[in-house]
């Protein structure tokens, strides 16, 4: 049986499928959206301003977050979550939450919707909103046969280049992001109870200066992707 996968997360999981040449197993990929914003589908009166983005994929990601496009759970066997895109601020308009991703801001969404920051990242209000989003997802998943895998990813503090291993700049920001990810991961596991947790050893959490998308703390060395893929494909008990 060929498993069919969906992703709610970020490039750190999407890049695994590209790296191993298994794109055809991926039915959908929803990114640039925080679990904080999850809830019933909502209609947006005018999203024409999203056309300010030249990339169709970026347009789709912004629209899916704003409209809360449902995941096509009927099309998949396994849904993989990761939390790397929880790095974005959360905005609100009249109490409605939305992800202030780079794409949302680049499209002019903040000005078009007159959105404001809902709460500081890392605040108790932020964590409570995240927990509520996890609970909403769990309610959607509990009556399906979809298995949930959790890719428990972290920001890399160092990267590999041709002349060795180097530290990224802004070590404090990386440490702060990983501290938040640790707390959010604990919440996610507690609420959603994933069937499988995917994680790499510390020595593989390394950025790659030669990565196809450029050098970043969440663009890893190839050995990282191989490690996580092997865990994804482990037979179930």
Protein backbone atom coordinates (compact mmCIF):
# COMPACT_ATOMS: atom_id res chain seq x y z
CA UNK A 1 0.00 0.00 0.00
CA UNK A 2 1.32 3.42 -0.98
CA UNK A 3 0.75 5.92 1.80
CA UNK A 4 -0.63 9.33 0.93
CA UNK A 5 0.62 12.28 2.96
CA UNK A 6 -0.45 15.80 3.81
CA UNK A 7 1.57 18.50 5.57
CA UNK A 8 0.45 21.24 7.90
CA UNK A 9 3.71 22.92 8.73
CA UNK A 10 6.61 24.41 6.84
CA UNK A 11 9.44 23.86 4.39
CA UNK A 12 11.28 21.68 6.92
CA UNK A 13 8.82 18.87 6.24
CA UNK A 14 8.11 19.70 2.60
CA UNK A 15 11.83 19.58 1.81
CA UNK A 16 12.05 15.99 3.05
CA UNK A 17 9.78 14.77 0.24
CA UNK A 18 11.70 16.79 -2.35
CA UNK A 19 15.05 15.55 -1.06
CA UNK A 20 14.13 11.87 -1.32
CA UNK A 21 12.27 12.29 -4.62
CA UNK A 22 8.86 11.30 -3.25
CA UNK A 23 6.80 14.36 -4.18
CA UNK A 24 4.11 12.16 -5.70
CA UNK A 25 3.24 10.85 -2.24
CA UNK A 26 2.29 14.35 -1.08
CA UNK A 27 -1.38 15.25 -1.59
CA UNK A 28 -1.27 18.73 -0.04
CA UNK A 29 1.01 21.13 1.79
CA UNK A 30 -0.38 23.94 3.92
CA UNK A 31 2.19 26.37 5.29
CA UNK A 32 2.69 29.97 6.47
CA UNK A 33 -0.21 29.44 8.85
CA UNK A 34 -0.23 29.17 12.63
CA UNK A 35 -2.31 26.71 14.60
CA UNK A 36 -3.37 29.77 16.61
CA UNK A 37 -5.59 30.87 13.72
CA UNK A 38 -7.52 27.61 13.32
CA UNK A 39 -11.29 27.54 13.47
CA UNK A 40 -14.35 27.17 11.24
CA UNK A 41 -14.03 28.22 7.61
CA UNK A 42 -14.55 31.94 7.16
CA UNK A 43 -15.30 34.00 4.08
CA UNK A 44 -13.22 37.05 3.19
CA UNK A 45 -15.08 39.67 1.18
CA UNK A 46 -12.15 40.84 -0.91
CA UNK A 47 -8.80 39.14 -1.32
CA UNK A 48 -7.83 40.74 -4.63
CA UNK A 49 -4.88 42.42 -2.91
CA UNK A 50 -3.24 38.99 -2.59
CA UNK A 51 -2.46 39.35 -6.31
CA UNK A 52 0.27 41.77 -5.19
CA UNK A 53 2.29 38.61 -4.64
CA UNK A 54 3.76 37.33 -7.90
CA UNK A 55 4.08 33.73 -6.72
CA UNK A 56 0.90 31.64 -7.00
CA UNK A 57 1.95 29.35 -4.15
CA UNK A 58 2.43 32.35 -1.83
CA UNK A 59 -1.00 33.69 -2.84
CA UNK A 60 -2.57 30.35 -2.01
CA UNK A 61 -0.89 30.10 1.40
CA UNK A 62 -2.10 33.56 2.45
CA UNK A 63 -5.63 32.85 1.21
CA UNK A 64 -5.77 29.49 2.99
CA UNK A 65 -4.79 31.08 6.29
CA UNK A 66 -7.28 33.93 5.98
CA UNK A 67 -10.16 31.73 4.81
CA UNK A 68 -9.23 28.80 7.08
CA UNK A 69 -9.32 26.44 4.13
CA UNK A 70 -10.12 22.94 5.46
CA UNK A 71 -7.49 20.23 5.11
CA UNK A 72 -8.50 17.53 2.62
CA UNK A 73 -8.30 14.73 5.16
CA UNK A 74 -10.17 12.29 2.90
CA UNK A 75 -7.25 12.33 0.47
CA UNK A 76 -4.53 11.17 2.90
CA UNK A 77 -3.45 8.40 5.23
CA UNK A 78 -0.92 10.42 7.25
CA UNK A 79 -0.89 14.09 8.25
CA UNK A 80 2.50 15.47 9.28
CA UNK A 81 2.68 18.57 11.44
CA UNK A 82 5.68 20.72 12.24
CA UNK A 83 5.77 24.01 14.15
CA UNK A 84 8.52 26.01 12.42
CA UNK A 85 5.98 28.45 10.91
CA UNK A 86 4.78 29.27 14.42
CA UNK A 87 7.61 31.83 14.23
CA UNK A 88 5.32 34.49 12.77
CA UNK A 89 3.41 37.12 14.70
CA UNK A 90 -0.34 36.72 15.03
CA UNK A 91 -2.56 39.63 13.95
CA UNK A 92 -6.24 40.19 14.53
CA UNK A 93 -9.11 42.13 12.99
CA UNK A 94 -12.17 42.43 15.23
CA UNK A 95 -10.99 39.44 17.22
CA UNK A 96 -10.37 37.23 14.16
CA UNK A 97 -6.81 35.86 14.22
CA UNK A 98 -4.54 35.58 11.19
CA UNK A 99 -0.91 34.70 10.59
CA UNK A 100 1.28 37.71 9.86
CA UNK A 101 3.63 35.73 7.62
CA UNK A 102 6.19 37.46 5.43
CA UNK A 103 3.89 36.76 2.49
CA UNK A 104 0.88 38.33 4.24
CA UNK A 105 2.90 41.46 5.01
CA UNK A 106 4.53 41.61 1.56
CA UNK A 107 1.10 41.48 -0.09
CA UNK A 108 -0.02 44.53 1.89
CA UNK A 109 -2.44 42.54 4.02
CA UNK A 110 -1.82 44.51 7.19
CA UNK A 111 -2.80 47.76 5.50
CA UNK A 112 -5.69 46.30 3.53
CA UNK A 113 -7.26 44.67 6.59
CA UNK A 114 -6.02 47.20 9.14
CA UNK A 115 -4.77 44.30 11.24
CA UNK A 116 -2.88 44.67 14.51
CA UNK A 117 -0.75 42.36 16.62
CA UNK A 118 -3.04 40.18 18.73
CA UNK A 119 -0.53 39.39 21.49
CA UNK A 120 3.24 39.15 21.98
CA UNK A 121 4.87 35.96 20.75
CA UNK A 122 5.74 33.80 23.74
CA UNK A 123 3.08 35.33 25.99
CA UNK A 124 0.63 33.21 27.94
CA UNK A 125 -2.14 34.49 25.65
CA UNK A 126 -0.13 33.24 22.67
CA UNK A 127 0.28 29.78 24.19
CA UNK A 128 -3.39 29.56 25.13
CA UNK A 129 -4.38 30.49 21.57
CA UNK A 130 -2.04 27.80 20.27
CA UNK A 131 -3.55 25.22 22.61
CA UNK A 132 -7.05 26.10 21.38
CA UNK A 133 -5.91 25.67 17.78
CA UNK A 134 -4.49 22.25 18.61
CA UNK A 135 -7.79 21.27 20.24
CA UNK A 136 -9.70 22.37 17.13
CA UNK A 137 -7.44 20.21 14.96
CA UNK A 138 -7.83 17.26 17.29
CA UNK A 139 -11.62 17.53 17.06
CA UNK A 140 -11.36 17.39 13.26
CA UNK A 141 -9.02 14.41 13.29
CA UNK A 142 -10.54 12.21 15.96
CA UNK A 143 -13.34 10.83 13.77
CA UNK A 144 -11.04 10.01 10.84
CA UNK A 145 -8.61 7.20 10.07
CA UNK A 146 -5.80 9.69 9.43
CA UNK A 147 -2.63 9.03 11.38
CA UNK A 148 -0.82 12.07 12.79
CA UNK A 149 2.97 12.26 12.71
CA UNK A 150 4.68 15.15 14.49
CA UNK A 151 7.96 16.43 13.05
CA UNK A 152 9.48 17.91 16.21
CA UNK A 153 11.89 20.26 14.44
CA UNK A 154 14.20 22.90 15.93
CA UNK A 155 16.17 25.83 14.58
CA UNK A 156 19.81 24.96 13.85
CA UNK A 157 22.36 27.04 15.75
CA UNK A 158 25.17 26.17 13.32
CA UNK A 159 25.61 25.50 9.62
CA UNK A 160 27.96 23.61 7.35
CA UNK A 161 29.85 25.29 4.53
CA UNK A 162 32.83 24.30 2.43
CA UNK A 163 35.32 25.30 5.11
CA UNK A 164 33.67 23.72 8.14
CA UNK A 165 30.94 24.33 10.70
CA UNK A 166 30.03 27.88 11.73
CA UNK A 167 27.57 29.46 14.14
CA UNK A 168 24.64 31.41 12.76
CA UNK A 169 24.33 35.03 13.80
CA UNK A 170 21.62 35.98 16.32
CA UNK A 171 22.21 33.02 18.62
CA UNK A 172 19.89 34.58 21.20
CA UNK A 173 16.99 34.68 18.74
CA UNK A 174 17.60 31.04 17.78
CA UNK A 175 17.69 29.97 21.43
CA UNK A 176 14.50 31.94 22.13
CA UNK A 177 12.72 30.35 19.17
CA UNK A 178 13.75 26.88 20.28
CA UNK A 179 12.61 27.56 23.83
CA UNK A 180 9.15 28.51 22.53
CA UNK A 181 9.12 25.48 20.23
CA UNK A 182 9.85 23.20 23.16
CA UNK A 183 6.85 24.48 25.08
CA UNK A 184 4.57 24.41 22.04
CA UNK A 185 5.71 20.91 21.14
CA UNK A 186 4.78 19.71 24.62
CA UNK A 187 1.32 21.25 24.21
CA UNK A 188 0.87 19.76 20.75
CA UNK A 189 1.79 16.27 21.93
CA UNK A 190 -0.44 16.56 24.99
CA UNK A 191 -3.50 17.69 23.01
CA UNK A 192 -3.21 15.87 19.68
CA UNK A 193 -1.35 12.76 20.86
CA UNK A 194 0.43 12.00 17.57
CA UNK A 195 0.99 8.39 16.63
CA UNK A 196 4.63 9.05 15.77
CA UNK A 197 7.14 11.74 16.78
CA UNK A 198 9.86 12.42 14.23
CA UNK A 199 13.07 13.99 15.49
CA UNK A 200 16.74 14.06 14.55
CA UNK A 201 19.75 13.77 16.87
CA UNK A 202 21.47 17.00 17.85
CA UNK A 203 24.44 16.39 15.58
CA UNK A 204 22.19 16.42 12.50
CA UNK A 205 20.41 19.69 13.35
CA UNK A 206 22.71 21.67 11.10
CA UNK A 207 22.00 24.26 8.47
CA UNK A 208 23.44 23.83 4.99
CA UNK A 209 25.06 26.85 3.33
CA UNK A 210 24.51 25.14 -0.02
CA UNK A 211 20.81 24.41 0.49
CA UNK A 212 18.57 24.94 -2.56
CA UNK A 213 16.64 27.66 -0.67
CA UNK A 214 19.73 29.32 0.80
CA UNK A 215 21.35 29.40 4.22
CA UNK A 216 18.89 29.45 7.13
CA UNK A 217 18.40 27.80 10.52
CA UNK A 218 15.63 25.62 9.09
CA UNK A 219 17.35 24.62 5.83
CA UNK A 220 19.16 21.50 6.95
CA UNK A 221 21.94 19.22 5.74
CA UNK A 222 20.85 16.27 3.62
CA UNK A 223 21.54 13.76 6.41
CA UNK A 224 18.82 15.41 8.48
CA UNK A 225 16.19 14.80 5.79
CA UNK A 226 17.35 11.21 5.32
CA UNK A 227 17.02 10.61 9.06
CA UNK A 228 13.47 11.96 9.29
CA UNK A 229 12.38 10.16 6.11
CA UNK A 230 13.54 6.83 7.51
CA UNK A 231 11.35 7.47 10.57
CA UNK A 232 8.36 8.40 8.41
CA UNK A 233 8.66 5.15 6.47
CA UNK A 234 9.13 2.84 9.45
CA UNK A 235 6.41 0.16 9.40
CA UNK A 236 3.65 0.59 11.95
CA UNK A 237 3.32 -1.96 14.71
